[in-house]
Amino acid sequence: MEILMQGLVLLVSGMGIVFLFLSLLVGVMNCSSRIVQRFNYIFPDDAPKKRKTVRQSAVDVCETRDDEIAVAIAVVAGRVR
């Protein structure tokens, strides 16, 4: 019975220590968030850069695929010589 009590004490003390550590961690993160927001004007974030990419519209892709499908069906049917 004594071993069971020692195990229970160890369980409660270990879970208590973990709970206290995580509570402390949440508090420190909240405080650091407030500090960073207060001094954010010193080093503001850069504006995101716009990418120069050529994108096909969905209509162009569908038309291309429709043409390719029509050619493939015609070849299989033997109508294109």
Protein backbone atom coordinates (compact mmCIF):
# COMPACT_ATOMS: atom_id res chain seq x y z
CA MET A 1 0.00 0.00 0.00
CA GLU A 2 2.94 2.27 0.68
CA ILE A 3 4.23 1.83 -2.89
CA LEU A 4 0.81 2.87 -4.25
CA MET A 5 0.88 6.06 -2.14
CA GLN A 6 4.41 6.88 -3.33
CA GLY A 7 3.27 6.40 -6.91
CA LEU A 8 0.28 8.68 -6.34
CA VAL A 9 2.49 11.38 -4.79
CA LEU A 10 4.91 11.11 -7.70
CA LEU A 11 2.03 11.33 -10.19
CA VAL A 12 0.47 14.39 -8.59
CA SER A 13 3.79 16.19 -8.12
CA GLY A 14 4.89 15.48 -11.70
CA MET A 15 1.60 16.62 -13.22
CA GLY A 16 1.65 19.71 -10.98
CA ILE A 17 5.14 20.64 -12.13
CA VAL A 18 4.16 20.21 -15.79
CA PHE A 19 1.01 22.30 -15.26
CA LEU A 20 2.98 25.08 -13.58
CA PHE A 21 5.59 25.05 -16.34
CA LEU A 22 2.98 25.26 -19.09
CA SER A 23 1.12 28.04 -17.26
CA LEU A 24 4.38 29.96 -16.94
CA LEU A 25 5.08 29.40 -20.63
CA VAL A 26 1.67 30.78 -21.64
CA GLY A 27 2.21 33.83 -19.43
CA VAL A 28 5.65 34.53 -20.88
CA MET A 29 4.34 34.17 -24.44
CA ASN A 30 1.49 36.61 -23.75
CA CYS A 31 3.86 39.15 -22.22
CA SER A 32 6.35 38.86 -25.06
CA SER A 33 3.52 39.28 -27.57
CA ARG A 34 2.50 42.55 -25.91
CA ILE A 35 6.10 43.77 -25.86
CA VAL A 36 6.63 42.96 -29.53
CA GLN A 37 3.40 44.72 -30.52
CA ARG A 38 4.39 47.80 -28.53
CA PHE A 39 7.78 48.13 -30.28
CA ASN A 40 6.73 46.90 -33.73
CA TYR A 41 7.05 50.40 -35.21
CA ILE A 42 10.84 50.19 -34.93
CA PHE A 43 11.15 47.20 -37.29
CA PRO A 44 7.93 46.99 -39.31
CA ASP A 45 7.28 44.00 -41.54
CA ASP A 46 8.14 44.40 -45.21
CA ALA A 47 5.29 44.54 -47.68
CA PRO A 48 4.90 41.23 -49.51
CA LYS A 49 6.39 41.24 -52.99
CA LYS A 50 4.13 40.57 -55.93
CA ARG A 51 5.06 37.67 -58.14
CA LYS A 52 5.22 38.14 -61.86
CA THR A 53 3.78 34.93 -63.20
CA VAL A 54 1.77 34.16 -66.27
CA ARG A 55 -1.31 32.21 -65.35
CA GLN A 56 -3.67 30.51 -67.70
CA SER A 57 -7.30 31.14 -67.09
CA ALA A 58 -9.52 28.19 -66.37
CA VAL A 59 -11.37 28.74 -69.66
CA ASP A 60 -8.14 28.46 -71.69
CA VAL A 61 -7.21 25.23 -69.95
CA CYS A 62 -10.66 23.75 -70.50
CA GLU A 63 -10.70 24.72 -74.18
CA THR A 64 -7.26 23.18 -74.71
CA ARG A 65 -8.31 19.98 -73.01
CA ASP A 66 -11.55 19.85 -74.96
CA ASP A 67 -9.61 20.17 -78.23
CA GLU A 68 -7.17 17.46 -77.18
CA ILE A 69 -10.00 15.16 -76.15
CA ALA A 70 -11.81 15.74 -79.46
CA VAL A 71 -8.64 14.89 -81.41
CA ALA A 72 -8.05 11.75 -79.32
CA ILE A 73 -11.64 10.57 -79.88
CA ALA A 74 -11.38 11.25 -83.60
CA VAL A 75 -8.11 9.29 -83.83
CA VAL A 76 -9.58 6.35 -81.95
CA ALA A 77 -12.71 6.41 -84.11
CA GLY A 78 -10.50 6.39 -87.24
CA ARG A 79 -12.00 9.48 -88.79
CA VAL A 80 -8.75 11.42 -89.04
CA ARG A 81 -6.41 10.23 -91.78
